[in-house]
């Protein structure tokens, strides 16, 4: 159902295949990288608490990038434990 809705709002019918490919990568890449990052954090620090803190921070940074006048982080670690919402 989500793909059907996405095709309705794509800007150009000529580029649908490219746009759907980009959307597919955006949907599946986090699912592929999440376990790898979690394994690295767990093997280095042996801490589920740190794993959830990192996951929450990344989620907050990504969510804050959708607000219109928020400051977007320019470096990967810049948003760590700092919320300007």
N, C-alpha and C. Protein backbone atom coordinates (compact mmCIF):
# COMPACT_ATOMS: atom_id res chain seq x y z
N UNK A 1 0.82 -1.18 0.00
CA UNK A 1 0.00 0.00 0.00
C UNK A 1 0.87 1.25 0.00
N UNK A 2 1.96 1.23 0.75
CA UNK A 2 2.79 2.42 0.81
C UNK A 2 3.43 2.74 -0.55
N UNK A 3 3.80 1.73 -1.32
CA UNK A 3 4.38 1.98 -2.64
C UNK A 3 3.34 2.60 -3.57
N UNK A 4 2.10 2.17 -3.47
CA UNK A 4 1.04 2.75 -4.29
C UNK A 4 0.86 4.23 -3.97
N UNK A 5 0.92 4.57 -2.70
CA UNK A 5 0.79 5.98 -2.32
C UNK A 5 2.01 6.79 -2.74
N UNK A 6 3.17 6.19 -2.66
CA UNK A 6 4.39 6.89 -3.05
C UNK A 6 4.36 7.23 -4.53
N UNK A 7 3.87 6.30 -5.36
CA UNK A 7 3.84 6.57 -6.80
C UNK A 7 2.89 7.70 -7.14
N UNK A 8 1.91 7.97 -6.29
CA UNK A 8 0.98 9.06 -6.55
C UNK A 8 1.61 10.43 -6.32
N UNK A 9 2.62 10.51 -5.46
CA UNK A 9 3.20 11.82 -5.12
C UNK A 9 4.58 12.04 -5.72
N UNK A 10 5.05 11.11 -6.54
CA UNK A 10 6.35 11.31 -7.18
C UNK A 10 6.26 12.47 -8.17
N UNK A 11 7.32 13.27 -8.26
CA UNK A 11 7.26 14.46 -9.10
C UNK A 11 7.18 14.19 -10.60
N UNK A 12 7.82 13.16 -11.09
CA UNK A 12 7.87 12.93 -12.53
C UNK A 12 7.62 11.45 -12.83
N UNK A 13 6.75 11.21 -13.80
CA UNK A 13 6.47 9.82 -14.19
C UNK A 13 7.65 9.22 -14.94
N UNK A 14 8.49 10.06 -15.53
CA UNK A 14 9.64 9.57 -16.28
C UNK A 14 10.74 8.98 -15.40
N UNK A 15 10.79 9.40 -14.15
CA UNK A 15 11.85 8.96 -13.24
C UNK A 15 11.34 8.04 -12.13
N UNK A 16 10.19 7.42 -12.35
CA UNK A 16 9.60 6.59 -11.28
C UNK A 16 10.49 5.45 -10.84
N UNK A 17 11.12 4.76 -11.78
CA UNK A 17 11.96 3.61 -11.41
C UNK A 17 13.14 4.06 -10.55
N UNK A 18 13.77 5.17 -10.93
CA UNK A 18 14.90 5.68 -10.15
C UNK A 18 14.44 6.13 -8.76
N UNK A 19 13.31 6.83 -8.71
CA UNK A 19 12.80 7.30 -7.42
C UNK A 19 12.40 6.15 -6.51
N UNK A 20 11.74 5.14 -7.06
CA UNK A 20 11.36 3.98 -6.25
C UNK A 20 12.58 3.20 -5.78
N UNK A 21 13.62 3.15 -6.60
CA UNK A 21 14.86 2.50 -6.17
C UNK A 21 15.50 3.24 -5.01
N UNK A 22 15.50 4.58 -5.09
CA UNK A 22 16.06 5.39 -4.00
C UNK A 22 15.25 5.22 -2.72
N UNK A 23 13.94 5.18 -2.85
CA UNK A 23 13.07 4.99 -1.68
C UNK A 23 13.30 3.60 -1.08
N UNK A 24 13.47 2.60 -1.91
CA UNK A 24 13.74 1.25 -1.42
C UNK A 24 15.05 1.19 -0.64
N UNK A 25 16.07 1.85 -1.16
CA UNK A 25 17.35 1.89 -0.44
C UNK A 25 17.19 2.61 0.89
N UNK A 26 16.44 3.72 0.90
CA UNK A 26 16.23 4.47 2.14
C UNK A 26 15.45 3.65 3.17
N UNK A 27 14.58 2.76 2.72
CA UNK A 27 13.81 1.93 3.64
C UNK A 27 14.59 0.72 4.14
N UNK A 28 15.46 0.15 3.32
CA UNK A 28 16.12 -1.10 3.70
C UNK A 28 17.52 -0.91 4.28
N UNK A 29 18.18 0.18 3.97
CA UNK A 29 19.54 0.39 4.47
C UNK A 29 19.61 0.45 6.00
N UNK A 30 18.72 1.17 6.67
CA UNK A 30 18.78 1.15 8.14
C UNK A 30 18.57 -0.24 8.74
N UNK A 31 17.73 -1.06 8.09
CA UNK A 31 17.50 -2.41 8.59
C UNK A 31 18.72 -3.29 8.40
N UNK A 32 19.55 -2.95 7.43
CA UNK A 32 20.77 -3.71 7.19
C UNK A 32 21.92 -3.24 8.08
N UNK A 33 22.00 -1.95 8.30
CA UNK A 33 23.11 -1.40 9.08
C UNK A 33 22.87 -1.46 10.59
N UNK A 34 21.63 -1.46 11.01
CA UNK A 34 21.31 -1.47 12.44
C UNK A 34 21.95 -2.63 13.20
N UNK A 35 21.79 -3.86 12.75
CA UNK A 35 22.41 -4.98 13.46
C UNK A 35 23.93 -4.92 13.47
N UNK A 36 24.53 -4.41 12.40
CA UNK A 36 25.99 -4.30 12.36
C UNK A 36 26.47 -3.28 13.39
N UNK A 37 25.81 -2.13 13.44
CA UNK A 37 26.19 -1.09 14.41
C UNK A 37 25.95 -1.59 15.83
N UNK A 38 24.83 -2.28 16.04
CA UNK A 38 24.55 -2.82 17.38
C UNK A 38 25.59 -3.84 17.79
N UNK A 39 26.02 -4.68 16.86
CA UNK A 39 27.05 -5.67 17.18
C UNK A 39 28.37 -5.00 17.54
N UNK A 40 28.71 -3.92 16.82
CA UNK A 40 29.96 -3.20 17.12
C UNK A 40 29.90 -2.56 18.51
N UNK A 41 28.75 -1.93 18.83
CA UNK A 41 28.61 -1.30 20.15
C UNK A 41 28.64 -2.35 21.25
N UNK A 42 27.95 -3.46 21.05
CA UNK A 42 27.92 -4.50 22.08
C UNK A 42 29.28 -5.16 22.26
N UNK A 43 30.02 -5.36 21.18
CA UNK A 43 31.33 -6.00 21.32
C UNK A 43 32.35 -5.04 21.94
N UNK A 44 32.19 -3.75 21.70
CA UNK A 44 33.15 -2.79 22.24
C UNK A 44 32.84 -2.41 23.69
N UNK A 45 31.55 -2.21 24.02
CA UNK A 45 31.21 -1.66 25.33
C UNK A 45 30.41 -2.62 26.22
N UNK A 46 29.85 -3.69 25.68
CA UNK A 46 29.07 -4.67 26.44
C UNK A 46 27.97 -3.99 27.26
N UNK A 47 27.27 -3.04 26.62
CA UNK A 47 26.28 -2.28 27.37
C UNK A 47 25.03 -2.05 26.51
N UNK A 48 23.92 -2.64 26.95
CA UNK A 48 22.65 -2.37 26.29
C UNK A 48 22.20 -0.94 26.55
N UNK A 49 22.56 -0.40 27.71
CA UNK A 49 22.18 0.97 28.04
C UNK A 49 22.79 1.93 27.03
N UNK A 50 24.06 1.79 26.73
CA UNK A 50 24.70 2.66 25.75
C UNK A 50 24.10 2.46 24.36
N UNK A 51 23.76 1.23 24.05
CA UNK A 51 23.14 0.93 22.75
C UNK A 51 21.82 1.69 22.60
N UNK A 52 20.99 1.70 23.64
CA UNK A 52 19.73 2.42 23.57
C UNK A 52 19.92 3.93 23.61
N UNK A 53 20.94 4.41 24.31
CA UNK A 53 21.23 5.85 24.32
C UNK A 53 21.64 6.31 22.92
N UNK A 54 22.50 5.54 22.28
CA UNK A 54 22.93 5.89 20.92
C UNK A 54 21.74 5.82 19.96
N UNK A 55 20.94 4.79 20.06
CA UNK A 55 19.76 4.67 19.19
C UNK A 55 18.77 5.79 19.40
N UNK A 56 18.54 6.16 20.64
CA UNK A 56 17.63 7.28 20.93
C UNK A 56 18.16 8.60 20.44
N UNK A 57 19.46 8.81 20.59
CA UNK A 57 20.06 10.05 20.13
C UNK A 57 19.98 10.16 18.61
N UNK A 58 20.29 9.08 17.91
CA UNK A 58 20.21 9.10 16.44
C UNK A 58 18.77 9.35 15.99
N UNK A 59 17.81 8.73 16.66
CA UNK A 59 16.41 8.94 16.31
C UNK A 59 15.98 10.38 16.55
N UNK A 60 16.42 10.96 17.66
CA UNK A 60 16.08 12.36 17.96
C UNK A 60 16.72 13.31 16.94
N UNK A 61 17.94 13.02 16.53
CA UNK A 61 18.60 13.87 15.53
C UNK A 61 17.89 13.81 14.19
N UNK A 62 17.51 12.61 13.80
CA UNK A 62 16.81 12.46 12.52
C UNK A 62 15.43 13.12 12.60
N UNK A 63 14.72 12.92 13.71
CA UNK A 63 13.40 13.53 13.85
C UNK A 63 13.49 15.06 13.87
N UNK A 64 14.52 15.60 14.52
CA UNK A 64 14.64 17.06 14.59
C UNK A 64 14.97 17.67 13.23
N UNK A 65 15.48 16.87 12.31
CA UNK A 65 15.78 17.41 10.98
C UNK A 65 14.52 17.67 10.18
N UNK A 66 13.37 17.15 10.62
CA UNK A 66 12.11 17.38 9.92
C UNK A 66 11.39 18.64 10.39
N UNK A 67 11.82 19.24 11.49
CA UNK A 67 11.21 20.47 11.95
C UNK A 67 11.73 21.64 11.11
N UNK A 68 10.88 22.60 10.76
CA UNK A 68 11.28 23.62 9.78
C UNK A 68 12.44 24.51 10.20
N UNK A 69 12.49 24.99 11.40
CA UNK A 69 13.53 25.95 11.79
C UNK A 69 14.51 25.37 12.79
N UNK A 70 14.73 24.09 12.73
CA UNK A 70 15.67 23.48 13.67
C UNK A 70 17.08 23.54 13.11
N UNK A 71 18.04 23.47 14.00
CA UNK A 71 19.42 23.42 13.54
C UNK A 71 19.76 21.98 13.21
N UNK A 72 20.20 21.74 12.01
CA UNK A 72 20.54 20.40 11.58
C UNK A 72 22.00 20.10 11.92
N UNK A 73 22.29 18.93 12.45
CA UNK A 73 23.69 18.60 12.76
C UNK A 73 24.51 18.50 11.48
N UNK A 74 25.71 19.04 11.54
CA UNK A 74 26.57 19.00 10.36
C UNK A 74 27.58 17.86 10.43
N UNK A 75 27.86 17.38 11.62
CA UNK A 75 28.81 16.28 11.78
C UNK A 75 28.08 15.10 12.41
N UNK A 76 28.54 13.87 12.19
CA UNK A 76 27.82 12.70 12.70
C UNK A 76 27.64 12.70 14.21
N UNK A 77 28.58 13.17 14.98
CA UNK A 77 28.46 13.14 16.44
C UNK A 77 28.01 14.43 17.07
N UNK A 78 27.67 15.43 16.26
CA UNK A 78 27.36 16.75 16.79
C UNK A 78 26.11 16.77 17.64
N UNK A 79 25.12 15.97 17.30
CA UNK A 79 23.84 16.01 17.99
C UNK A 79 23.82 15.20 19.27
N UNK A 80 24.89 14.56 19.61
CA UNK A 80 24.92 13.67 20.75
C UNK A 80 24.49 14.39 22.02
N UNK A 81 23.37 13.93 22.58
CA UNK A 81 22.80 14.43 23.84
C UNK A 81 22.54 15.94 23.82
N UNK A 82 22.15 16.48 22.66
CA UNK A 82 21.80 17.89 22.57
C UNK A 82 20.57 18.01 21.69
N UNK A 83 19.48 18.49 22.24
CA UNK A 83 18.24 18.61 21.49
C UNK A 83 17.85 20.08 21.41
N UNK A 84 17.74 20.58 20.20
CA UNK A 84 17.29 21.96 19.98
C UNK A 84 15.93 21.93 19.28
N UNK A 85 14.94 21.47 19.97
CA UNK A 85 13.61 21.35 19.36
C UNK A 85 12.75 22.50 19.79
